[in-house]
């Protein structure tokens, strides 16, 4: 189950300039069809795995962490995996608006 999104007050403390939310938007665009190189995907997934939970986006962080672990073990990321991560990003972005 997804963790609740941070409240507006929480976000004001942990992301006062809204930079992380903007990063989520950029990452979502990239994952949904921008730079689809393996290195680009791996970089975004790794960044989300490390930072999303810190900023209160537990679902995004958990999915990204699983994908990051798979990549670290030499596995591949499929279209369904990316769709699941993009859907989680969509929910996180909508809640933080």
C-alpha atoms as a PDB file:
ATOM      1  CA  UNK A   1       0.000   0.000   0.000  1.00  0.00           C
ATOM      2  CA  UNK A   2       1.234   3.471  -0.833  1.00  0.00           C
ATOM      3  CA  UNK A   3       2.331   5.690   1.969  1.00  0.00           C
ATOM      4  CA  UNK A   4       0.464   8.981   2.287  1.00  0.00           C
ATOM      5  CA  UNK A   5       1.965  11.924   0.495  1.00  0.00           C
ATOM      6  CA  UNK A   6       3.557  14.565   2.656  1.00  0.00           C
ATOM      7  CA  UNK A   7       1.330  17.419   3.718  1.00  0.00           C
ATOM      8  CA  UNK A   8       1.885  20.900   2.316  1.00  0.00           C
ATOM      9  CA  UNK A   9       3.534  21.861   5.616  1.00  0.00           C
ATOM     10  CA  UNK A  10       5.851  18.842   5.449  1.00  0.00           C
ATOM     11  CA  UNK A  11       6.813  19.660   1.864  1.00  0.00           C
ATOM     12  CA  UNK A  12       7.512  23.250   2.821  1.00  0.00           C
ATOM     13  CA  UNK A  13      10.057  21.967   5.328  1.00  0.00           C
ATOM     14  CA  UNK A  14      11.731  19.246   3.269  1.00  0.00           C
ATOM     15  CA  UNK A  15      11.438  20.816  -0.198  1.00  0.00           C
ATOM     16  CA  UNK A  16      10.903  24.545   0.398  1.00  0.00           C
ATOM     17  CA  UNK A  17      11.628  25.642  -3.165  1.00  0.00           C
ATOM     18  CA  UNK A  18       9.687  22.775  -4.787  1.00  0.00           C
ATOM     19  CA  UNK A  19      12.815  21.591  -6.567  1.00  0.00           C
ATOM     20  CA  UNK A  20      12.189  17.911  -5.873  1.00  0.00           C
ATOM     21  CA  UNK A  21       8.652  18.085  -7.290  1.00  0.00           C
ATOM     22  CA  UNK A  22      10.075  19.685 -10.439  1.00  0.00           C
ATOM     23  CA  UNK A  23      12.618  16.859 -10.600  1.00  0.00           C
ATOM     24  CA  UNK A  24       9.766  14.341 -10.384  1.00  0.00           C
ATOM     25  CA  UNK A  25       8.119  16.020 -13.382  1.00  0.00           C
ATOM     26  CA  UNK A  26      11.375  15.904 -15.371  1.00  0.00           C
ATOM     27  CA  UNK A  27      12.002  12.279 -14.410  1.00  0.00           C
ATOM     28  CA  UNK A  28       8.444  11.323 -15.358  1.00  0.00           C
ATOM     29  CA  UNK A  29       8.839  12.921 -18.799  1.00  0.00           C
ATOM     30  CA  UNK A  30      12.119  11.112 -19.364  1.00  0.00           C
ATOM     31  CA  UNK A  31      10.807   7.725 -18.257  1.00  0.00           C
ATOM     32  CA  UNK A  32       7.674   8.120 -20.367  1.00  0.00           C
ATOM     33  CA  UNK A  33       9.579   8.736 -23.574  1.00  0.00           C
ATOM     34  CA  UNK A  34      12.541  11.066 -23.361  1.00  0.00           C
ATOM     35  CA  UNK A  35      16.124   9.815 -23.121  1.00  0.00           C
ATOM     36  CA  UNK A  36      15.469   6.079 -23.162  1.00  0.00           C
ATOM     37  CA  UNK A  37      19.121   5.050 -23.197  1.00  0.00           C
ATOM     38  CA  UNK A  38      20.008   2.382 -20.667  1.00  0.00           C
ATOM     39  CA  UNK A  39      22.391   4.756 -18.911  1.00  0.00           C
ATOM     40  CA  UNK A  40      19.730   7.472 -18.736  1.00  0.00           C
ATOM     41  CA  UNK A  41      17.105   5.097 -17.362  1.00  0.00           C
ATOM     42  CA  UNK A  42      19.527   3.668 -14.831  1.00  0.00           C
ATOM     43  CA  UNK A  43      20.513   7.143 -13.617  1.00  0.00           C
ATOM     44  CA  UNK A  44      16.907   8.269 -13.101  1.00  0.00           C
ATOM     45  CA  UNK A  45      15.899   5.008 -11.421  1.00  0.00           C
ATOM     46  CA  UNK A  46      18.916   5.155  -9.109  1.00  0.00           C
ATOM     47  CA  UNK A  47      18.233   8.782  -8.171  1.00  0.00           C
ATOM     48  CA  UNK A  48      14.571   8.029  -7.433  1.00  0.00           C
ATOM     49  CA  UNK A  49      15.515   4.942  -5.420  1.00  0.00           C
ATOM     50  CA  UNK A  50      17.724   7.074  -3.194  1.00  0.00           C
ATOM     51  CA  UNK A  51      15.708  10.265  -2.874  1.00  0.00           C
ATOM     52  CA  UNK A  52      11.979   9.652  -3.324  1.00  0.00           C
ATOM     53  CA  UNK A  53      11.420   8.116   0.110  1.00  0.00           C
ATOM     54  CA  UNK A  54      13.354  10.931   1.782  1.00  0.00           C
ATOM     55  CA  UNK A  55      10.927  13.426   0.284  1.00  0.00           C
ATOM     56  CA  UNK A  56       7.874  11.422   1.342  1.00  0.00           C
ATOM     57  CA  UNK A  57       7.192   9.533  -1.886  1.00  0.00           C
ATOM     58  CA  UNK A  58       7.453   6.019  -0.494  1.00  0.00           C
ATOM     59  CA  UNK A  59       5.686   4.236  -3.355  1.00  0.00           C
ATOM     60  CA  UNK A  60       7.956   5.804  -5.972  1.00  0.00           C
ATOM     61  CA  UNK A  61      11.007   5.036  -3.859  1.00  0.00           C
ATOM     62  CA  UNK A  62      10.033   1.410  -3.297  1.00  0.00           C
ATOM     63  CA  UNK A  63       9.371   0.715  -6.977  1.00  0.00           C
ATOM     64  CA  UNK A  64      12.557   2.501  -8.038  1.00  0.00           C
ATOM     65  CA  UNK A  65      14.600   0.625  -5.417  1.00  0.00           C
ATOM     66  CA  UNK A  66      13.372  -2.717  -6.720  1.00  0.00           C
ATOM     67  CA  UNK A  67      14.244  -1.729 -10.279  1.00  0.00           C
ATOM     68  CA  UNK A  68      17.621  -0.343  -9.204  1.00  0.00           C
ATOM     69  CA  UNK A  69      18.427  -3.618  -7.440  1.00  0.00           C
ATOM     70  CA  UNK A  70      17.455  -5.562 -10.557  1.00  0.00           C
ATOM     71  CA  UNK A  71      19.748  -3.416 -12.696  1.00  0.00           C
ATOM     72  CA  UNK A  72      22.586  -3.838 -10.204  1.00  0.00           C
ATOM     73  CA  UNK A  73      22.189  -7.619 -10.516  1.00  0.00           C
ATOM     74  CA  UNK A  74      22.433  -7.404 -14.304  1.00  0.00           C
ATOM     75  CA  UNK A  75      18.702  -7.622 -14.973  1.00  0.00           C
ATOM     76  CA  UNK A  76      16.699  -5.645 -17.483  1.00  0.00           C
ATOM     77  CA  UNK A  77      13.855  -3.170 -17.094  1.00  0.00           C
ATOM     78  CA  UNK A  78      10.804  -3.844 -19.241  1.00  0.00           C
ATOM     79  CA  UNK A  79       8.028  -1.614 -20.512  1.00  0.00           C
ATOM     80  CA  UNK A  80       5.667  -2.858 -17.772  1.00  0.00           C
ATOM     81  CA  UNK A  81       8.225  -1.907 -15.117  1.00  0.00           C
ATOM     82  CA  UNK A  82       8.539   1.596 -16.528  1.00  0.00           C
ATOM     83  CA  UNK A  83       4.765   1.942 -16.774  1.00  0.00           C
ATOM     84  CA  UNK A  84       4.425   0.994 -13.091  1.00  0.00           C
ATOM     85  CA  UNK A  85       7.045   3.578 -12.086  1.00  0.00           C
ATOM     86  CA  UNK A  86       5.480   6.280 -14.281  1.00  0.00           C
ATOM     87  CA  UNK A  87       2.044   5.563 -12.753  1.00  0.00           C
ATOM     88  CA  UNK A  88       3.513   5.936  -9.261  1.00  0.00           C
ATOM     89  CA  UNK A  89       5.134   9.207 -10.318  1.00  0.00           C
ATOM     90  CA  UNK A  90       1.797  10.415 -11.685  1.00  0.00           C
ATOM     91  CA  UNK A  91       0.141   9.715  -8.321  1.00  0.00           C
ATOM     92  CA  UNK A  92       2.960  11.402  -6.409  1.00  0.00           C
ATOM     93  CA  UNK A  93       2.895  14.479  -8.645  1.00  0.00           C
ATOM     94  CA  UNK A  94      -0.899  14.770  -8.404  1.00  0.00           C
ATOM     95  CA  UNK A  95      -0.798  14.569  -4.598  1.00  0.00           C
ATOM     96  CA  UNK A  96       1.937  17.180  -4.320  1.00  0.00           C
ATOM     97  CA  UNK A  97       0.230  19.754  -6.542  1.00  0.00           C
END
